[in-house]
């Protein structure tokens, strides 16, 4: 199973950064599905652009964007509404370890 950790530095901007094993554009769907499964979320819609995967997901009734940028190997969850979405991102951050918590 993939090892994911989170970085909460971008929470004020409505983003939760996800640190993951190395991946490329073609292997992201498998990795993304693993993350979605770990969160007990569901995918509502998937879009692929030149270097970006954008998935609309449902997490306990809240729509979020899961984005994955190929060249930087960056993955993040993004809110669609700052009020409720940021609370949900904070909650998700407690479900996945942060680098600080996983090193102890």
N, C-alpha and C. Protein backbone atom coordinates (compact mmCIF):
# COMPACT_ATOMS: atom_id res chain seq x y z
N UNK A 1 0.85 -1.19 0.00
CA UNK A 1 0.00 0.00 0.00
C UNK A 1 0.89 1.25 0.00
N UNK A 2 0.47 2.26 -0.69
CA UNK A 2 1.25 3.49 -0.82
C UNK A 2 1.35 4.22 0.51
N UNK A 3 2.46 4.89 0.69
CA UNK A 3 2.73 5.64 1.91
C UNK A 3 2.50 7.13 1.62
N UNK A 4 1.42 7.69 2.15
CA UNK A 4 1.10 9.09 1.96
C UNK A 4 1.32 9.84 3.26
N UNK A 5 1.81 11.07 3.15
CA UNK A 5 1.86 12.00 4.27
C UNK A 5 1.31 13.34 3.80
N UNK A 6 1.02 14.22 4.74
CA UNK A 6 0.45 15.51 4.37
C UNK A 6 1.34 16.66 4.83
N UNK A 7 1.20 17.77 4.12
CA UNK A 7 1.83 19.03 4.48
C UNK A 7 0.71 20.05 4.54
N UNK A 8 0.53 20.66 5.70
CA UNK A 8 -0.59 21.57 5.92
C UNK A 8 -0.26 23.04 5.68
N UNK A 9 0.92 23.33 5.16
CA UNK A 9 1.34 24.72 4.96
C UNK A 9 0.39 25.52 4.09
N UNK A 10 -0.28 24.90 3.14
CA UNK A 10 -1.14 25.61 2.19
C UNK A 10 -2.62 25.60 2.61
N UNK A 11 -2.94 25.13 3.81
CA UNK A 11 -4.33 25.11 4.25
C UNK A 11 -5.00 26.49 4.20
N UNK A 12 -4.30 27.58 4.56
CA UNK A 12 -4.96 28.90 4.46
C UNK A 12 -5.40 29.25 3.03
N UNK A 13 -4.77 28.65 2.03
CA UNK A 13 -5.15 28.87 0.63
C UNK A 13 -6.16 27.83 0.15
N UNK A 14 -6.65 26.98 1.06
CA UNK A 14 -7.64 25.97 0.69
C UNK A 14 -7.05 24.75 0.01
N UNK A 15 -5.78 24.43 0.34
CA UNK A 15 -5.11 23.28 -0.28
C UNK A 15 -4.43 22.43 0.78
N UNK A 16 -4.50 21.13 0.61
CA UNK A 16 -3.79 20.19 1.47
C UNK A 16 -2.83 19.42 0.58
N UNK A 17 -1.53 19.62 0.81
CA UNK A 17 -0.50 18.97 0.00
C UNK A 17 -0.33 17.53 0.45
N UNK A 18 -0.26 16.63 -0.51
CA UNK A 18 -0.12 15.19 -0.24
C UNK A 18 1.26 14.75 -0.75
N UNK A 19 2.06 14.23 0.14
CA UNK A 19 3.37 13.70 -0.23
C UNK A 19 3.20 12.20 -0.47
N UNK A 20 3.78 11.71 -1.56
CA UNK A 20 3.52 10.33 -1.96
C UNK A 20 4.78 9.69 -2.53
N UNK A 21 4.70 8.38 -2.78
CA UNK A 21 5.79 7.74 -3.51
C UNK A 21 5.88 8.34 -4.92
N UNK A 22 7.01 8.15 -5.56
CA UNK A 22 7.21 8.66 -6.93
C UNK A 22 6.16 8.09 -7.87
N UNK A 23 5.74 8.91 -8.83
CA UNK A 23 4.74 8.50 -9.81
C UNK A 23 4.96 9.28 -11.09
N UNK A 24 4.35 8.80 -12.17
CA UNK A 24 4.37 9.54 -13.42
C UNK A 24 2.93 9.69 -13.92
N UNK A 25 2.75 10.37 -15.02
CA UNK A 25 1.40 10.67 -15.50
C UNK A 25 0.57 9.41 -15.68
N UNK A 26 1.16 8.37 -16.25
CA UNK A 26 0.41 7.14 -16.53
C UNK A 26 0.14 6.31 -15.28
N UNK A 27 0.97 6.43 -14.25
CA UNK A 27 0.77 5.62 -13.05
C UNK A 27 -0.09 6.32 -12.00
N UNK A 28 -0.40 7.62 -12.20
CA UNK A 28 -1.16 8.32 -11.18
C UNK A 28 -2.54 7.72 -10.91
N UNK A 29 -3.31 7.29 -11.92
CA UNK A 29 -4.64 6.77 -11.60
C UNK A 29 -4.63 5.67 -10.53
N UNK A 30 -3.67 4.77 -10.59
CA UNK A 30 -3.59 3.72 -9.56
C UNK A 30 -3.28 4.33 -8.19
N UNK A 31 -2.33 5.25 -8.16
CA UNK A 31 -1.97 5.90 -6.90
C UNK A 31 -3.14 6.73 -6.38
N UNK A 32 -3.79 7.47 -7.27
CA UNK A 32 -4.94 8.28 -6.87
C UNK A 32 -6.07 7.43 -6.33
N UNK A 33 -6.34 6.30 -6.97
CA UNK A 33 -7.38 5.40 -6.48
C UNK A 33 -7.04 4.84 -5.10
N UNK A 34 -5.76 4.58 -4.86
CA UNK A 34 -5.34 4.12 -3.54
C UNK A 34 -5.62 5.18 -2.49
N UNK A 35 -5.28 6.43 -2.79
CA UNK A 35 -5.53 7.53 -1.85
C UNK A 35 -7.03 7.69 -1.60
N UNK A 36 -7.81 7.68 -2.66
CA UNK A 36 -9.27 7.82 -2.54
C UNK A 36 -9.83 6.70 -1.66
N UNK A 37 -9.35 5.50 -1.86
CA UNK A 37 -9.80 4.36 -1.07
C UNK A 37 -9.42 4.53 0.40
N UNK A 38 -8.20 4.97 0.67
CA UNK A 38 -7.76 5.20 2.05
C UNK A 38 -8.64 6.23 2.75
N UNK A 39 -9.12 7.20 2.02
CA UNK A 39 -9.96 8.26 2.59
C UNK A 39 -11.44 7.89 2.62
N UNK A 40 -11.78 6.73 2.08
CA UNK A 40 -13.19 6.32 1.95
C UNK A 40 -13.99 7.39 1.20
N UNK A 41 -13.38 7.95 0.19
CA UNK A 41 -14.02 8.96 -0.66
C UNK A 41 -14.45 8.29 -1.96
N UNK A 42 -15.09 9.05 -2.82
CA UNK A 42 -15.46 8.51 -4.13
C UNK A 42 -15.18 9.54 -5.21
N UNK A 43 -14.88 9.05 -6.40
CA UNK A 43 -14.59 9.91 -7.53
C UNK A 43 -15.88 10.17 -8.29
N UNK A 44 -16.18 11.45 -8.51
CA UNK A 44 -17.38 11.82 -9.25
C UNK A 44 -17.08 12.10 -10.72
N UNK A 45 -15.88 12.62 -10.98
CA UNK A 45 -15.49 13.02 -12.34
C UNK A 45 -13.97 13.03 -12.43
N UNK A 46 -13.44 12.68 -13.61
CA UNK A 46 -11.98 12.70 -13.84
C UNK A 46 -11.70 13.49 -15.11
N UNK A 47 -10.66 14.30 -15.05
CA UNK A 47 -10.22 15.06 -16.22
C UNK A 47 -8.70 14.96 -16.31
N UNK A 48 -8.19 14.80 -17.52
CA UNK A 48 -6.75 14.77 -17.75
C UNK A 48 -6.40 15.87 -18.74
N UNK A 49 -5.40 16.65 -18.39
CA UNK A 49 -4.85 17.65 -19.29
C UNK A 49 -3.42 17.24 -19.61
N UNK A 50 -2.68 18.08 -20.26
CA UNK A 50 -1.33 17.73 -20.72
C UNK A 50 -0.45 17.19 -19.60
N UNK A 51 -0.45 17.82 -18.44
CA UNK A 51 0.40 17.38 -17.35
C UNK A 51 -0.34 17.35 -16.01
N UNK A 52 -1.67 17.40 -16.04
CA UNK A 52 -2.44 17.53 -14.80
C UNK A 52 -3.64 16.59 -14.79
N UNK A 53 -3.75 15.84 -13.71
CA UNK A 53 -4.97 15.07 -13.44
C UNK A 53 -5.81 15.92 -12.49
N UNK A 54 -7.09 16.07 -12.77
CA UNK A 54 -8.01 16.76 -11.88
C UNK A 54 -9.21 15.86 -11.69
N UNK A 55 -9.44 15.46 -10.45
CA UNK A 55 -10.57 14.61 -10.12
C UNK A 55 -11.49 15.35 -9.17
N UNK A 56 -12.76 15.34 -9.46
CA UNK A 56 -13.77 15.85 -8.53
C UNK A 56 -14.14 14.67 -7.65
N UNK A 57 -13.93 14.83 -6.34
CA UNK A 57 -14.21 13.73 -5.42
C UNK A 57 -15.24 14.16 -4.39
N UNK A 58 -15.88 13.16 -3.82
CA UNK A 58 -16.82 13.38 -2.73
C UNK A 58 -16.22 12.77 -1.48
N UNK A 59 -16.04 13.60 -0.47
CA UNK A 59 -15.58 13.12 0.83
C UNK A 59 -16.65 13.46 1.86
N UNK A 60 -17.39 12.45 2.27
CA UNK A 60 -18.44 12.59 3.28
C UNK A 60 -19.39 13.74 2.96
N UNK A 61 -19.79 13.84 1.69
CA UNK A 61 -20.76 14.85 1.30
C UNK A 61 -20.18 16.19 0.88
N UNK A 62 -18.86 16.33 0.93
CA UNK A 62 -18.20 17.57 0.52
C UNK A 62 -17.41 17.32 -0.76
N UNK A 63 -17.64 18.14 -1.77
CA UNK A 63 -16.88 18.04 -3.02
C UNK A 63 -15.53 18.71 -2.86
N UNK A 64 -14.49 18.01 -3.29
CA UNK A 64 -13.12 18.51 -3.29
C UNK A 64 -12.51 18.19 -4.65
N UNK A 65 -11.44 18.90 -4.98
CA UNK A 65 -10.65 18.56 -6.16
C UNK A 65 -9.39 17.85 -5.71
N UNK A 66 -9.11 16.72 -6.33
CA UNK A 66 -7.82 16.05 -6.17
C UNK A 66 -7.05 16.39 -7.43
N UNK A 67 -5.91 17.04 -7.25
CA UNK A 67 -5.10 17.44 -8.40
C UNK A 67 -3.71 16.82 -8.29
N UNK A 68 -3.17 16.43 -9.44
CA UNK A 68 -1.85 15.83 -9.49
C UNK A 68 -1.13 16.36 -10.71
N UNK A 69 -0.03 17.07 -10.48
CA UNK A 69 0.74 17.69 -11.56
C UNK A 69 1.96 16.82 -11.83
N UNK A 70 2.05 16.36 -13.05
CA UNK A 70 3.05 15.37 -13.45
C UNK A 70 4.49 15.83 -13.25
N UNK A 71 4.87 16.97 -13.78
CA UNK A 71 6.29 17.36 -13.81
C UNK A 71 6.88 17.57 -12.43
N UNK A 72 6.10 18.09 -11.51
CA UNK A 72 6.61 18.31 -10.14
C UNK A 72 6.26 17.16 -9.21
N UNK A 73 5.51 16.17 -9.71
CA UNK A 73 5.01 15.07 -8.88
C UNK A 73 4.27 15.61 -7.66
N UNK A 74 3.51 16.70 -7.84
CA UNK A 74 2.75 17.31 -6.76
C UNK A 74 1.32 16.80 -6.76
N UNK A 75 0.84 16.48 -5.58
CA UNK A 75 -0.55 16.05 -5.40
C UNK A 75 -1.13 16.93 -4.31
N UNK A 76 -2.36 17.40 -4.53
CA UNK A 76 -3.01 18.17 -3.48
C UNK A 76 -4.52 18.04 -3.58
N UNK A 77 -5.16 18.24 -2.44
CA UNK A 77 -6.61 18.35 -2.36
C UNK A 77 -6.93 19.82 -2.25
N UNK A 78 -7.98 20.24 -2.93
CA UNK A 78 -8.33 21.65 -3.00
C UNK A 78 -9.83 21.81 -2.72
N UNK A 79 -10.17 22.84 -1.96
CA UNK A 79 -11.57 23.09 -1.65
C UNK A 79 -12.27 23.78 -2.81
N UNK A 80 -13.56 23.59 -2.88
CA UNK A 80 -14.39 24.33 -3.82
C UNK A 80 -15.07 25.49 -3.12
N UNK A 81 -15.20 25.38 -1.80
CA UNK A 81 -15.74 26.48 -0.98
C UNK A 81 -14.87 26.60 0.26
N UNK A 82 -14.36 27.78 0.52
CA UNK A 82 -13.40 27.96 1.61
C UNK A 82 -13.95 27.62 2.99
N UNK A 83 -15.21 27.92 3.27
CA UNK A 83 -15.71 27.73 4.63
C UNK A 83 -15.73 26.26 5.04
N UNK A 84 -16.62 25.49 4.46
CA UNK A 84 -16.76 24.09 4.81
C UNK A 84 -15.54 23.29 4.35
N UNK A 85 -15.02 23.61 3.18
CA UNK A 85 -13.92 22.86 2.60
C UNK A 85 -12.66 22.87 3.45
N UNK A 86 -12.34 24.01 4.04
CA UNK A 86 -11.13 24.07 4.86
C UNK A 86 -11.26 23.21 6.11
N UNK A 87 -12.45 23.17 6.70
CA UNK A 87 -12.66 22.29 7.85
C UNK A 87 -12.48 20.83 7.45
N UNK A 88 -12.97 20.49 6.28
CA UNK A 88 -12.83 19.11 5.78
C UNK A 88 -11.37 18.79 5.52
N UNK A 89 -10.63 19.72 4.92
CA UNK A 89 -9.20 19.49 4.69
C UNK A 89 -8.44 19.31 6.00
N UNK A 90 -8.80 20.11 7.00
CA UNK A 90 -8.16 19.95 8.32
C UNK A 90 -8.44 18.55 8.88
N UNK A 91 -9.66 18.09 8.70
CA UNK A 91 -10.02 16.75 9.18
C UNK A 91 -9.23 15.68 8.41
N UNK A 92 -9.17 15.80 7.10
CA UNK A 92 -8.41 14.83 6.30
C UNK A 92 -6.95 14.81 6.72
N UNK A 93 -6.42 15.97 7.07
CA UNK A 93 -5.02 16.05 7.51
C UNK A 93 -4.78 15.19 8.75
N UNK A 94 -5.81 14.98 9.56
CA UNK A 94 -5.65 14.13 10.75
C UNK A 94 -5.68 12.65 10.40
N UNK A 95 -6.22 12.33 9.21
CA UNK A 95 -6.31 10.92 8.80
C UNK A 95 -5.02 10.38 8.21
N UNK A 96 -4.20 11.27 7.67
CA UNK A 96 -2.93 10.87 7.06
C UNK A 96 -1.81 11.45 7.91
N UNK A 97 -0.73 10.72 8.05
CA UNK A 97 0.36 11.24 8.89
C UNK A 97 1.05 12.45 8.25
N UNK A 98 1.54 13.32 9.11
CA UNK A 98 2.40 14.40 8.63
C UNK A 98 3.84 13.92 8.79
N UNK A 99 4.80 14.52 8.08
CA UNK A 99 6.19 14.07 8.23
C UNK A 99 6.67 14.14 9.67
N UNK A 100 6.20 15.14 10.42
CA UNK A 100 6.59 15.27 11.82
C UNK A 100 6.07 14.10 12.65
N UNK A 101 4.78 13.73 12.43
CA UNK A 101 4.17 12.65 13.20
C UNK A 101 4.71 11.30 12.78
N UNK A 102 5.05 11.13 11.50
CA UNK A 102 5.50 9.80 11.05
C UNK A 102 6.96 9.52 11.41
N UNK A 103 7.72 10.54 11.80
CA UNK A 103 9.13 10.32 12.14
C UNK A 103 9.32 9.97 13.59
N UNK A 104 8.28 10.05 14.40
CA UNK A 104 8.42 9.74 15.82
C UNK A 104 8.06 8.32 16.14
